[in-house]
């Protein structure tokens, strides 16, 4: 079963929606204009329910099939952009300096709107499809907020599916895997307290810059020497702040960074060892360290049965050779993970071709992927909810 003819017919219209969204990016929960645009489209399609304000600014629509009662499955797209200055040079580039759709959420939203239009026209299924348009994926935990707002219970959602574009995967190709498909993302802050003084008299100080340097190096041993290489972990110190003058040794240095893991036990170990290493090294120099470790998005864990089903749908659309069923896990994070903790489902990737990478200022969603994304959503609905 190739790309649906109606999906191809919708491509130009959906691409126009996508480019409108790209020109008008909004951040985190402040997606008011985007949510209004989405709700207006869903209402015009004739969706049976369109509810706004879920998880602050999320939108959920329900389309009922014409083949009788049945379960409700949820399809999710994210709506928010990133605080990045766009350099793509596209005609539809962001009109708001410092904000851009650098992760393709404009494409995700547009493709799900395209699927909504198709499904509202045909309704060739039993039960219902819940279309979830989520704010604040980029660090705000909008998925968690929608769940805490009772979304799953309110709409009776029994399964949930998500999709994300991926540069480097050819257009028309898909991929995913069972189990851990994206990493847990945690953040940390280490305040190293020493004793400042004159830079020409370091023996009279406890230099927090030197201490911090040793901490940064030692933290790399968590990944390289302490954790099984087959159990992925990333420990990155991303910022170092300390001192203001070249001839003054500061009193404190602040380190911040991220930890990414794919297994709960690895996550627990990394959290414990990060604190032990920082405190132990600081103490060995006569300094001290205050460590704050903040857990954020959990592992995005694909349920086996639902993922096998999703793979079968992708193969129907793209063919066996264009679907990777054992895609290596990504160490990026995704707050669809909260939805997969609440309900069984699967998160898949759709090819964006040879584009700039995600979160890059020159990135742009590839509109040639639109018919494949619409076809995936429609085929998933009509197959999962077959009479």
Protein backbone atom coordinates (compact mmCIF):
# COMPACT_ATOMS: atom_id res chain seq x y z
CA UNK A 1 0.00 0.00 0.00
CA UNK A 2 1.81 3.18 -1.15
CA UNK A 3 1.26 6.79 -0.08
CA UNK A 4 -2.46 7.57 -0.14
CA UNK A 5 -3.63 9.55 -3.17
CA UNK A 6 -5.63 11.93 -0.99
CA UNK A 7 -2.52 12.57 1.13
CA UNK A 8 -0.62 13.60 -1.99
CA UNK A 9 -3.52 15.84 -3.04
CA UNK A 10 -3.38 17.56 0.36
CA UNK A 11 0.38 18.20 0.25
CA UNK A 12 0.30 21.73 -1.15
CA UNK A 13 -2.43 22.86 1.26
CA UNK A 14 -0.72 21.30 4.26
CA UNK A 15 2.64 22.77 3.23
CA UNK A 16 1.03 26.21 3.19
CA UNK A 17 -0.20 25.66 6.76
CA UNK A 18 3.26 24.48 7.73
CA UNK A 19 4.96 27.53 6.28
CA UNK A 20 2.49 29.83 8.03
CA UNK A 21 3.37 28.16 11.32
CA UNK A 22 7.07 28.40 10.49
CA UNK A 23 6.78 32.14 9.94
CA UNK A 24 5.05 32.60 13.29
CA UNK A 25 6.92 30.55 15.91
CA UNK A 26 5.98 30.58 19.59
CA UNK A 27 7.82 29.17 22.59
CA UNK A 28 6.91 26.71 25.33
CA UNK A 29 3.36 27.27 26.65
CA UNK A 30 2.97 30.64 24.91
CA UNK A 31 1.60 29.04 21.76
CA UNK A 32 -1.65 31.00 21.76
CA UNK A 33 -1.73 31.92 18.08
CA UNK A 34 -0.61 28.44 17.05
CA UNK A 35 -3.28 26.80 19.20
CA UNK A 36 -5.92 29.15 17.81
CA UNK A 37 -4.85 28.32 14.25
CA UNK A 38 -5.01 24.60 15.03
CA UNK A 39 -8.41 24.81 16.74
CA UNK A 40 -9.89 26.82 13.87
CA UNK A 41 -8.71 24.26 11.33
CA UNK A 42 -10.03 21.34 13.38
CA UNK A 43 -13.39 23.02 13.76
CA UNK A 44 -13.59 23.74 10.03
CA UNK A 45 -12.91 20.06 9.30
CA UNK A 46 -16.00 19.10 11.31
CA UNK A 47 -14.28 17.32 14.18
CA UNK A 48 -16.82 16.09 16.73
CA UNK A 49 -14.97 17.65 19.68
CA UNK A 50 -12.41 20.46 19.75
CA UNK A 51 -11.22 21.38 23.22
CA UNK A 52 -8.58 24.00 24.00
CA UNK A 53 -6.67 24.94 27.15
CA UNK A 54 -5.57 21.41 28.05
CA UNK A 55 -2.20 21.45 29.77
CA UNK A 56 -2.50 25.26 29.66
CA UNK A 57 -2.45 25.77 25.89
CA UNK A 58 -2.85 22.31 24.38
CA UNK A 59 -5.62 21.35 21.95
CA UNK A 60 -7.39 18.00 21.63
CA UNK A 61 -9.89 17.11 18.91
CA UNK A 62 -11.93 13.94 18.56
CA UNK A 63 -13.10 12.39 15.29
CA UNK A 64 -15.65 9.59 15.58
CA UNK A 65 -15.67 6.83 13.02
CA UNK A 66 -18.80 5.82 11.14
CA UNK A 67 -18.46 2.10 11.80
CA UNK A 68 -19.76 1.97 15.34
CA UNK A 69 -18.41 2.07 18.85
CA UNK A 70 -14.82 1.19 19.62
CA UNK A 71 -11.68 2.29 21.45
CA UNK A 72 -10.05 5.72 21.30
CA UNK A 73 -6.46 6.03 20.09
CA UNK A 74 -4.42 9.20 20.44
CA UNK A 75 -2.09 10.80 17.88
CA UNK A 76 0.19 13.56 19.15
CA UNK A 77 2.01 16.49 17.50
CA UNK A 78 4.04 19.19 19.26
CA UNK A 79 3.51 22.89 18.51
CA UNK A 80 6.31 24.93 20.13
CA UNK A 81 9.46 26.41 18.59
CA UNK A 82 12.95 27.18 19.90
CA UNK A 83 14.77 30.37 21.01
CA UNK A 84 17.11 30.42 17.98
CA UNK A 85 17.84 33.08 15.33
CA UNK A 86 16.94 31.55 11.97
CA UNK A 87 19.51 31.49 9.15
CA UNK A 88 17.70 29.18 6.70
CA UNK A 89 17.11 31.95 4.15
CA UNK A 90 13.70 30.50 3.26
CA UNK A 91 10.92 32.72 2.01
CA UNK A 92 8.85 31.50 4.94
CA UNK A 93 11.58 32.07 7.54
CA UNK A 94 10.59 33.23 11.02
CA UNK A 95 9.20 36.74 11.27
CA UNK A 96 10.15 36.87 14.95
CA UNK A 97 13.88 37.38 15.59
CA UNK A 98 15.24 34.92 18.13
CA UNK A 99 12.48 32.34 17.63
CA UNK A 100 12.26 29.62 14.99
CA UNK A 101 10.87 26.18 14.28
CA UNK A 102 14.28 24.48 14.39
CA UNK A 103 12.93 21.05 15.30
CA UNK A 104 10.13 20.62 12.80
CA UNK A 105 7.19 20.96 15.16
CA UNK A 106 5.55 23.08 12.46
CA UNK A 107 5.72 20.05 10.19
CA UNK A 108 4.43 17.69 12.87
CA UNK A 109 1.45 19.94 13.56
CA UNK A 110 0.69 20.44 9.87
CA UNK A 111 0.86 16.71 9.07
CA UNK A 112 -1.51 15.85 11.91
CA UNK A 113 -3.88 18.58 10.74
CA UNK A 114 -3.73 17.03 7.27
CA UNK A 115 -4.57 13.65 8.73
CA UNK A 116 -7.42 15.23 10.72
CA UNK A 117 -8.92 16.68 7.53
CA UNK A 118 -8.69 13.32 5.79
CA UNK A 119 -10.14 11.35 8.69
CA UNK A 120 -12.98 13.83 9.19
CA UNK A 121 -13.88 13.42 5.52
CA UNK A 122 -13.81 9.62 5.42
CA UNK A 123 -14.41 8.35 9.00
CA UNK A 124 -13.62 4.87 7.73
CA UNK A 125 -13.07 3.33 11.16
CA UNK A 126 -14.88 2.36 14.33
CA UNK A 127 -14.28 4.07 17.64
CA UNK A 128 -12.53 7.44 17.71
CA UNK A 129 -9.25 9.18 17.04
CA UNK A 130 -8.05 11.81 19.52
CA UNK A 131 -5.73 14.36 17.90
CA UNK A 132 -3.37 15.84 20.49
CA UNK A 133 -1.59 19.14 19.81
CA UNK A 134 0.87 19.72 22.61
CA UNK A 135 2.69 22.83 23.83
CA UNK A 136 6.08 23.06 25.53
CA UNK A 137 7.88 19.97 24.32
CA UNK A 138 11.17 21.88 24.22
CA UNK A 139 11.94 21.71 27.91
CA UNK A 140 8.59 22.71 29.38
CA UNK A 141 7.06 19.29 29.95
CA UNK A 142 3.84 20.09 28.13
CA UNK A 143 3.09 16.40 27.67
CA UNK A 144 3.20 15.86 31.41
CA UNK A 145 0.92 18.84 31.97
CA UNK A 146 -1.67 17.54 29.52
CA UNK A 147 -1.67 14.19 31.31
CA UNK A 148 -1.95 15.84 34.72
CA UNK A 149 -4.89 17.80 33.31
CA UNK A 150 -6.70 14.48 32.89
CA UNK A 151 -6.42 14.23 29.11
CA UNK A 152 -6.19 10.45 28.92
CA UNK A 153 -9.23 9.94 31.16
CA UNK A 154 -11.30 12.79 29.71
CA UNK A 155 -11.07 11.44 26.18
CA UNK A 156 -10.81 7.75 27.08
CA UNK A 157 -7.53 7.30 25.22
CA UNK A 158 -6.33 3.68 25.33
CA UNK A 159 -3.22 3.90 23.13
CA UNK A 160 -1.05 6.83 22.05
CA UNK A 161 1.31 7.36 19.13
CA UNK A 162 3.84 10.07 18.28
CA UNK A 163 6.07 10.90 15.30
CA UNK A 164 9.14 13.09 14.81
CA UNK A 165 11.06 14.03 11.70
CA UNK A 166 14.75 13.13 11.52
CA UNK A 167 17.43 14.66 9.26
CA UNK A 168 19.67 12.09 7.64
CA UNK A 169 16.85 9.59 7.18
CA UNK A 170 15.74 9.85 3.52
CA UNK A 171 12.31 11.27 2.74
CA UNK A 172 9.89 8.39 2.39
CA UNK A 173 11.71 6.31 4.99
CA UNK A 174 10.73 5.56 8.58
CA UNK A 175 12.40 4.06 11.62
CA UNK A 176 11.90 3.15 15.26
CA UNK A 177 12.67 0.42 17.77
CA UNK A 178 11.06 -1.44 20.62
CA UNK A 179 12.07 -0.42 24.13
CA UNK A 180 14.19 2.63 24.86
CA UNK A 181 14.13 4.81 21.74
CA UNK A 182 15.14 8.16 23.28
CA UNK A 183 17.03 8.99 26.43
CA UNK A 184 16.11 10.36 29.81
CA UNK A 185 17.34 13.93 30.19
CA UNK A 186 18.55 15.25 33.54
CA UNK A 187 20.28 18.49 34.45
CA UNK A 188 22.81 19.33 37.10
CA UNK A 189 24.45 22.34 38.71
CA UNK A 190 27.66 22.11 40.73
CA UNK A 191 28.77 25.10 42.80
CA UNK A 192 32.44 24.72 43.73
CA UNK A 193 33.38 26.83 46.76
CA UNK A 194 37.05 27.66 47.28
CA UNK A 195 38.90 30.63 48.76
CA UNK A 196 39.67 33.50 46.45
CA UNK A 197 42.68 35.77 46.38
CA UNK A 198 45.41 37.30 44.25
CA UNK A 199 46.21 35.33 41.12
CA UNK A 200 49.95 35.85 41.80
CA UNK A 201 49.60 34.14 45.19
CA UNK A 202 47.72 30.92 44.45
CA UNK A 203 49.29 29.22 47.49
CA UNK A 204 47.15 31.46 49.70
CA UNK A 205 43.94 30.40 47.99
CA UNK A 206 41.87 27.33 47.25
CA UNK A 207 41.41 27.79 43.53
CA UNK A 208 37.87 26.72 42.48
CA UNK A 209 38.86 26.93 38.80
CA UNK A 210 41.49 24.25 39.29
CA UNK A 211 39.10 22.15 41.38
CA UNK A 212 36.37 22.50 38.77
CA UNK A 213 38.78 21.43 36.02
CA UNK A 214 39.50 18.21 37.87
CA UNK A 215 35.78 17.63 38.41
CA UNK A 216 35.02 18.10 34.71
CA UNK A 217 37.66 15.56 33.72
CA UNK A 218 36.69 13.06 36.41
CA UNK A 219 33.02 13.13 35.47
CA UNK A 220 33.91 11.71 32.06
CA UNK A 221 35.01 8.50 33.78
CA UNK A 222 31.38 7.75 34.63
CA UNK A 223 30.76 7.02 30.96
CA UNK A 224 34.19 5.80 29.91
CA UNK A 225 35.17 3.60 32.87
CA UNK A 226 32.27 2.97 35.22
CA UNK A 227 29.22 2.11 33.11
CA UNK A 228 28.92 -0.90 30.81
CA UNK A 229 29.58 0.42 27.27
CA UNK A 230 26.40 -1.34 26.13
CA UNK A 231 24.35 0.70 28.64
CA UNK A 232 24.56 4.17 27.19
CA UNK A 233 25.20 7.24 29.31
CA UNK A 234 26.25 10.77 28.39
CA UNK A 235 27.63 13.20 30.98
CA UNK A 236 28.24 16.64 29.52
CA UNK A 237 29.47 19.70 31.40
CA UNK A 238 28.07 22.41 29.15
CA UNK A 239 28.88 25.65 31.00
CA UNK A 240 31.64 26.85 33.33
CA UNK A 241 31.27 30.22 35.04
CA UNK A 242 33.74 31.69 37.51
CA UNK A 243 35.79 34.81 38.04
CA UNK A 244 35.71 38.24 36.46
CA UNK A 245 39.31 39.42 36.27
CA UNK A 246 42.50 37.79 34.94
CA UNK A 247 44.46 38.57 38.08
CA UNK A 248 41.91 37.43 40.66
CA UNK A 249 41.19 33.87 41.81
CA UNK A 250 37.46 33.65 42.38
CA UNK A 251 35.68 32.26 45.42
CA UNK A 252 33.29 30.09 43.43
CA UNK A 253 32.81 28.41 40.08
CA UNK A 254 29.49 27.12 38.72
CA UNK A 255 29.29 24.11 36.42
CA UNK A 256 26.11 23.09 34.65
CA UNK A 257 25.36 20.25 32.31
CA UNK A 258 23.21 17.31 31.34
CA UNK A 259 23.09 13.55 31.87
CA UNK A 260 21.42 11.26 29.31
CA UNK A 261 20.64 7.61 29.97
CA UNK A 262 18.53 4.81 28.49
CA UNK A 263 18.01 2.59 31.55
CA UNK A 264 16.60 3.41 35.01
CA UNK A 265 19.49 1.74 36.81
CA UNK A 266 22.04 3.70 34.76
CA UNK A 267 20.18 6.89 35.56
CA UNK A 268 20.28 6.13 39.29
CA UNK A 269 23.98 5.28 39.14
CA UNK A 270 24.92 8.41 37.20
CA UNK A 271 23.04 10.64 39.64
CA UNK A 272 24.76 9.07 42.65
CA UNK A 273 28.24 9.08 41.15
CA UNK A 274 28.04 12.66 39.90
CA UNK A 275 27.52 13.86 43.45
CA UNK A 276 30.18 11.55 44.88
CA UNK A 277 32.79 12.57 42.32
CA UNK A 278 32.16 16.31 42.68
CA UNK A 279 32.17 16.24 46.47
CA UNK A 280 35.14 13.88 46.71
CA UNK A 281 37.38 15.88 44.39
CA UNK A 282 36.40 19.18 45.98
CA UNK A 283 37.22 17.81 49.43
CA UNK A 284 40.60 16.53 48.26
CA UNK A 285 41.60 20.13 47.45
CA UNK A 286 40.14 21.57 50.62
CA UNK A 287 37.18 23.00 48.74
CA UNK A 288 33.51 22.05 48.87
CA UNK A 289 30.79 21.41 46.32
CA UNK A 290 27.04 21.86 46.32
CA UNK A 291 25.40 19.55 43.81
CA UNK A 292 21.86 19.94 42.52
CA UNK A 293 20.60 17.15 40.27
CA UNK A 294 17.24 17.66 38.54
CA UNK A 295 15.47 14.82 36.79
CA UNK A 296 13.60 15.90 33.69
CA UNK A 297 12.09 13.87 30.83
CA UNK A 298 12.13 10.10 31.41
CA UNK A 299 13.21 7.52 28.84
CA UNK A 300 10.94 7.37 25.81
CA UNK A 301 10.03 3.69 25.98
CA UNK A 302 8.21 2.06 23.06
CA UNK A 303 5.82 -0.72 23.95
CA UNK A 304 6.54 -3.91 22.02
CA UNK A 305 3.09 -4.79 20.63
CA UNK A 306 2.23 -1.24 19.61
CA UNK A 307 5.66 -0.72 18.03
CA UNK A 308 5.36 -3.88 15.97
CA UNK A 309 1.98 -2.63 14.80
CA UNK A 310 3.43 0.80 13.93
CA UNK A 311 6.24 -0.86 11.96
CA UNK A 312 3.71 -2.88 9.98
CA UNK A 313 1.86 0.33 9.11
CA UNK A 314 5.09 2.03 8.01
CA UNK A 315 5.99 -0.94 5.82
CA UNK A 316 2.61 -0.76 4.11
CA UNK A 317 3.27 2.87 3.19
CA UNK A 318 6.99 2.91 2.42
CA UNK A 319 7.90 -0.72 1.73
CA UNK A 320 10.10 -3.10 3.67
CA UNK A 321 13.39 -1.59 2.55
CA UNK A 322 12.43 1.92 3.63
CA UNK A 323 11.65 1.00 7.24
CA UNK A 324 14.31 0.44 9.92
CA UNK A 325 12.81 -1.62 12.73
CA UNK A 326 15.85 -1.63 14.97
CA UNK A 327 16.95 1.98 14.73
CA UNK A 328 19.74 2.82 17.21
CA UNK A 329 18.34 4.77 20.18
CA UNK A 330 18.80 8.53 20.20
CA UNK A 331 20.39 10.26 23.19
CA UNK A 332 18.13 13.26 22.74
CA UNK A 333 15.04 13.43 24.92
CA UNK A 334 11.33 13.75 24.20
CA UNK A 335 8.46 14.49 26.54
CA UNK A 336 6.17 12.12 24.65
CA UNK A 337 7.84 9.81 27.17
CA UNK A 338 5.24 10.91 29.74
CA UNK A 339 2.41 9.85 27.45
CA UNK A 340 4.04 6.44 26.91
CA UNK A 341 4.25 6.06 30.70
CA UNK A 342 0.52 6.76 30.91
CA UNK A 343 -0.63 4.57 27.98
CA UNK A 344 0.88 1.93 25.68
CA UNK A 345 2.03 3.19 22.31
CA UNK A 346 4.99 3.95 20.10
CA UNK A 347 7.14 6.87 18.96
CA UNK A 348 8.53 6.74 15.41
CA UNK A 349 10.78 8.77 13.13
CA UNK A 350 10.01 9.99 9.62
CA UNK A 351 12.78 10.99 7.23
CA UNK A 352 13.53 14.66 6.64
CA UNK A 353 16.21 14.00 4.03
CA UNK A 354 19.55 15.75 3.73
CA UNK A 355 18.66 18.82 5.78
CA UNK A 356 20.41 20.78 8.49
CA UNK A 357 20.27 19.04 11.85
CA UNK A 358 17.58 19.50 14.46
CA UNK A 359 18.05 22.61 16.62
CA UNK A 360 20.30 24.18 13.97
CA UNK A 361 19.62 27.74 12.81
CA UNK A 362 19.51 26.64 9.15
CA UNK A 363 17.09 23.76 9.69
CA UNK A 364 13.79 23.56 7.82
CA UNK A 365 11.16 20.84 7.72
CA UNK A 366 11.03 19.05 4.36
CA UNK A 367 7.55 19.44 2.87
CA UNK A 368 8.13 16.39 0.67
CA UNK A 369 7.64 14.30 3.82
CA UNK A 370 4.07 15.53 4.28
CA UNK A 371 2.24 12.83 2.23
CA UNK A 372 4.14 10.10 4.07
CA UNK A 373 3.27 11.55 7.47
CA UNK A 374 -0.42 11.94 6.63
CA UNK A 375 -0.51 8.43 5.18
CA UNK A 376 1.05 7.03 8.34
CA UNK A 377 -1.54 8.64 10.62
CA UNK A 378 -4.50 7.71 8.44
CA UNK A 379 -3.39 4.12 7.88
CA UNK A 380 -2.64 3.74 11.58
CA UNK A 381 -6.17 4.89 12.45
CA UNK A 382 -7.96 2.83 9.84
CA UNK A 383 -5.97 -0.30 10.67
CA UNK A 384 -6.04 -0.02 14.46
CA UNK A 385 -9.76 0.77 14.41
CA UNK A 386 -10.79 -1.57 11.59
CA UNK A 387 -14.38 -2.78 11.81
